[in-house]
Amino acid sequence: MTLRGKAKPCLRIVRKVFAAVTDAAGVVEHRQAALEWISWTLTDWERARADQSVVGARMVAVLRQLGLTDLVCSIVGLSPVGAVAILAETGDLRRFTSACAVVKLAGLAPRERTSGSFAG
């Protein structure tokens, strides 16, 4: 079985694709086009994953140039790529009135939400 990235393809979907291809009913002429479309989709997916790796490596290189890698890696649960993404999203940190505002924007300030029997 061919692996895409590190994940196995969903067998339920693979079985249905093979069942549709081998089924005698339906328009046989359209099957080749459908398989070609699937091939293009998989090629695009693989290219996007490769591009994502390249961009991640560039982001970490910028973090290294700024001398912030050690500081970022000291934060538990935050990867260098995640930190660069937050910095890219927030822009100039001086525009925020407090560190709490930056944390809220980044979505890193979880709050307990409890009401009656609901706990979230």
C-alpha atoms as a PDB file:
ATOM      1  CA  MET A   1       0.000   0.000   0.000  1.00  0.00           C
ATOM      2  CA  THR A   2       1.349   3.439  -0.906  1.00  0.00           C
ATOM      3  CA  LEU A   3       1.866   5.865   1.937  1.00  0.00           C
ATOM      4  CA  ARG A   4       1.211   9.591   1.423  1.00  0.00           C
ATOM      5  CA  GLY A   5       3.474  11.429   3.829  1.00  0.00           C
ATOM      6  CA  LYS A   6       3.407   9.364   7.007  1.00  0.00           C
ATOM      7  CA  ALA A   7      -0.282   8.468   6.971  1.00  0.00           C
ATOM      8  CA  LYS A   8      -1.946   5.432   5.470  1.00  0.00           C
ATOM      9  CA  PRO A   9      -4.785   6.100   3.048  1.00  0.00           C
ATOM     10  CA  CYS A  10      -8.291   5.510   4.383  1.00  0.00           C
ATOM     11  CA  LEU A  11      -9.147   1.944   3.416  1.00  0.00           C
ATOM     12  CA  ARG A  12     -12.880   2.690   3.352  1.00  0.00           C
ATOM     13  CA  ILE A  13     -12.341   5.300   0.640  1.00  0.00           C
ATOM     14  CA  VAL A  14      -9.811   3.194  -1.286  1.00  0.00           C
ATOM     15  CA  ARG A  15     -12.232   0.256  -1.355  1.00  0.00           C
ATOM     16  CA  LYS A  16     -15.049   2.450  -2.653  1.00  0.00           C
ATOM     17  CA  VAL A  17     -12.819   3.890  -5.403  1.00  0.00           C
ATOM     18  CA  PHE A  18     -11.819   0.400  -6.540  1.00  0.00           C
ATOM     19  CA  ALA A  19     -15.445  -0.770  -6.376  1.00  0.00           C
ATOM     20  CA  ALA A  20     -16.518   2.175  -8.551  1.00  0.00           C
ATOM     21  CA  VAL A  21     -13.734   1.533 -11.084  1.00  0.00           C
ATOM     22  CA  THR A  22     -14.539  -2.159 -11.459  1.00  0.00           C
ATOM     23  CA  ASP A  23     -18.341  -1.771 -11.418  1.00  0.00           C
ATOM     24  CA  ALA A  24     -19.905  -2.725 -14.781  1.00  0.00           C
ATOM     25  CA  ALA A  25     -22.657  -0.112 -14.362  1.00  0.00           C
ATOM     26  CA  GLY A  26     -22.027   3.553 -15.034  1.00  0.00           C
ATOM     27  CA  VAL A  27     -20.268   5.445 -17.764  1.00  0.00           C
ATOM     28  CA  VAL A  28     -16.992   3.693 -18.494  1.00  0.00           C
ATOM     29  CA  GLU A  29     -15.628   6.648 -20.479  1.00  0.00           C
ATOM     30  CA  HIS A  30     -15.703   8.894 -17.398  1.00  0.00           C
ATOM     31  CA  ARG A  31     -13.632   6.558 -15.249  1.00  0.00           C
ATOM     32  CA  GLN A  32     -10.328   7.452 -16.891  1.00  0.00           C
ATOM     33  CA  ALA A  33     -11.039  11.166 -16.385  1.00  0.00           C
ATOM     34  CA  ALA A  34     -11.949  10.594 -12.738  1.00  0.00           C
ATOM     35  CA  LEU A  35      -8.732   8.678 -12.105  1.00  0.00           C
ATOM     36  CA  GLU A  36      -6.748  11.406 -13.863  1.00  0.00           C
ATOM     37  CA  TRP A  37      -8.397  13.989 -11.631  1.00  0.00           C
ATOM     38  CA  ILE A  38      -7.474  11.940  -8.549  1.00  0.00           C
ATOM     39  CA  SER A  39      -3.891  11.776  -9.792  1.00  0.00           C
ATOM     40  CA  TRP A  40      -3.752  15.560 -10.204  1.00  0.00           C
ATOM     41  CA  THR A  41      -5.202  16.042  -6.728  1.00  0.00           C
ATOM     42  CA  LEU A  42      -2.607  13.756  -5.152  1.00  0.00           C
ATOM     43  CA  THR A  43       0.189  15.521  -7.047  1.00  0.00           C
ATOM     44  CA  ASP A  44      -1.046  18.900  -5.803  1.00  0.00           C
ATOM     45  CA  TRP A  45      -1.270  17.538  -2.254  1.00  0.00           C
ATOM     46  CA  GLU A  46       2.309  16.228  -2.346  1.00  0.00           C
ATOM     47  CA  ARG A  47       3.584  19.536  -3.774  1.00  0.00           C
ATOM     48  CA  ALA A  48       1.771  21.484  -1.046  1.00  0.00           C
ATOM     49  CA  ARG A  49       3.305  19.283   1.668  1.00  0.00           C
ATOM     50  CA  ALA A  50       6.774  19.799   0.199  1.00  0.00           C
ATOM     51  CA  ASP A  51       6.212  23.562  -0.007  1.00  0.00           C
ATOM     52  CA  GLN A  52       5.022  23.562   3.598  1.00  0.00           C
ATOM     53  CA  SER A  53       8.294  21.946   4.700  1.00  0.00           C
ATOM     54  CA  VAL A  54      10.335  24.532   2.803  1.00  0.00           C
ATOM     55  CA  VAL A  55       8.373  27.433   4.287  1.00  0.00           C
ATOM     56  CA  GLY A  56       8.700  25.975   7.791  1.00  0.00           C
ATOM     57  CA  ALA A  57      12.464  25.723   7.403  1.00  0.00           C
ATOM     58  CA  ARG A  58      12.637  29.338   6.175  1.00  0.00           C
ATOM     59  CA  MET A  59      10.557  30.506   9.128  1.00  0.00           C
ATOM     60  CA  VAL A  60      12.859  28.787  11.610  1.00  0.00           C
ATOM     61  CA  ALA A  61      15.891  30.324   9.846  1.00  0.00           C
ATOM     62  CA  VAL A  62      14.420  33.804  10.327  1.00  0.00           C
ATOM     63  CA  LEU A  63      13.821  33.038  14.002  1.00  0.00           C
ATOM     64  CA  ARG A  64      17.460  31.947  14.287  1.00  0.00           C
ATOM     65  CA  GLN A  65      18.618  35.190  12.606  1.00  0.00           C
ATOM     66  CA  LEU A  66      16.624  37.198  15.137  1.00  0.00           C
ATOM     67  CA  GLY A  67      18.326  35.291  17.965  1.00  0.00           C
ATOM     68  CA  LEU A  68      15.014  34.154  19.446  1.00  0.00           C
ATOM     69  CA  THR A  69      15.272  30.391  18.956  1.00  0.00           C
ATOM     70  CA  ASP A  70      16.422  29.610  22.519  1.00  0.00           C
ATOM     71  CA  LEU A  71      13.743  31.846  24.031  1.00  0.00           C
ATOM     72  CA  VAL A  72      10.981  30.316  21.933  1.00  0.00           C
ATOM     73  CA  CYS A  73      12.112  26.751  22.592  1.00  0.00           C
ATOM     74  CA  SER A  74      11.936  27.445  26.346  1.00  0.00           C
ATOM     75  CA  ILE A  75       8.139  27.807  26.102  1.00  0.00           C
ATOM     76  CA  VAL A  76       6.564  24.414  26.736  1.00  0.00           C
ATOM     77  CA  GLY A  77       4.279  23.288  23.922  1.00  0.00           C
ATOM     78  CA  LEU A  78       5.359  25.961  21.439  1.00  0.00           C
ATOM     79  CA  SER A  79       7.405  24.923  18.424  1.00  0.00           C
ATOM     80  CA  PRO A  80       9.713  27.328  16.590  1.00  0.00           C
ATOM     81  CA  VAL A  81       7.384  27.272  13.565  1.00  0.00           C
ATOM     82  CA  GLY A  82       4.403  28.007  15.810  1.00  0.00           C
ATOM     83  CA  ALA A  83       6.222  30.942  17.391  1.00  0.00           C
ATOM     84  CA  VAL A  84       7.129  32.400  14.000  1.00  0.00           C
ATOM     85  CA  ALA A  85       3.527  32.013  12.861  1.00  0.00           C
ATOM     86  CA  ILE A  86       2.351  33.937  15.934  1.00  0.00           C
ATOM     87  CA  LEU A  87       4.942  36.668  15.342  1.00  0.00           C
ATOM     88  CA  ALA A  88       3.941  36.894  11.688  1.00  0.00           C
ATOM     89  CA  GLU A  89       0.279  37.180  12.641  1.00  0.00           C
ATOM     90  CA  THR A  90       0.748  39.776  15.366  1.00  0.00           C
ATOM     91  CA  GLY A  91       3.231  42.007  13.558  1.00  0.00           C
ATOM     92  CA  ASP A  92       4.805  44.764  15.646  1.00  0.00           C
ATOM     93  CA  LEU A  93       4.378  43.773  19.294  1.00  0.00           C
ATOM     94  CA  ARG A  94       4.662  47.406  20.428  1.00  0.00           C
ATOM     95  CA  ARG A  95       1.115  48.042  19.200  1.00  0.00           C
ATOM     96  CA  PHE A  96      -0.288  45.944  22.051  1.00  0.00           C
ATOM     97  CA  THR A  97      -0.934  47.466  25.449  1.00  0.00           C
ATOM     98  CA  SER A  98       0.043  44.337  27.383  1.00  0.00           C
ATOM     99  CA  ALA A  99       1.453  40.854  27.042  1.00  0.00           C
ATOM    100  CA  CYS A 100      -2.026  39.563  27.918  1.00  0.00           C
ATOM    101  CA  ALA A 101      -3.399  41.154  24.733  1.00  0.00           C
ATOM    102  CA  VAL A 102      -0.812  39.336  22.609  1.00  0.00           C
ATOM    103  CA  VAL A 103      -1.575  36.033  24.314  1.00  0.00           C
ATOM    104  CA  LYS A 104      -5.307  36.498  23.713  1.00  0.00           C
ATOM    105  CA  LEU A 105      -4.763  37.288  20.024  1.00  0.00           C
ATOM    106  CA  ALA A 106      -2.619  34.190  19.624  1.00  0.00           C
ATOM    107  CA  GLY A 107      -5.324  32.056  21.226  1.00  0.00           C
ATOM    108  CA  LEU A 108      -3.019  30.917  24.004  1.00  0.00           C
ATOM    109  CA  ALA A 109      -5.152  32.123  26.909  1.00  0.00           C
ATOM    110  CA  PRO A 110      -7.548  29.263  27.609  1.00  0.00           C
ATOM    111  CA  ARG A 111     -10.324  29.959  30.060  1.00  0.00           C
ATOM    112  CA  GLU A 112     -12.483  27.506  31.945  1.00  0.00           C
ATOM    113  CA  ARG A 113     -16.102  27.823  30.942  1.00  0.00           C
ATOM    114  CA  THR A 114     -18.429  26.263  33.444  1.00  0.00           C
ATOM    115  CA  SER A 115     -22.157  26.864  33.611  1.00  0.00           C
ATOM    116  CA  GLY A 116     -24.557  24.526  35.341  1.00  0.00           C
ATOM    117  CA  SER A 117     -23.737  21.023  34.134  1.00  0.00           C
ATOM    118  CA  PHE A 118     -21.618  22.260  31.186  1.00  0.00           C
ATOM    119  CA  ALA A 119     -17.847  22.243  31.587  1.00  0.00           C
ATOM    120  CA  GLY A 120     -15.752  23.492  28.682  1.00  0.00           C
END
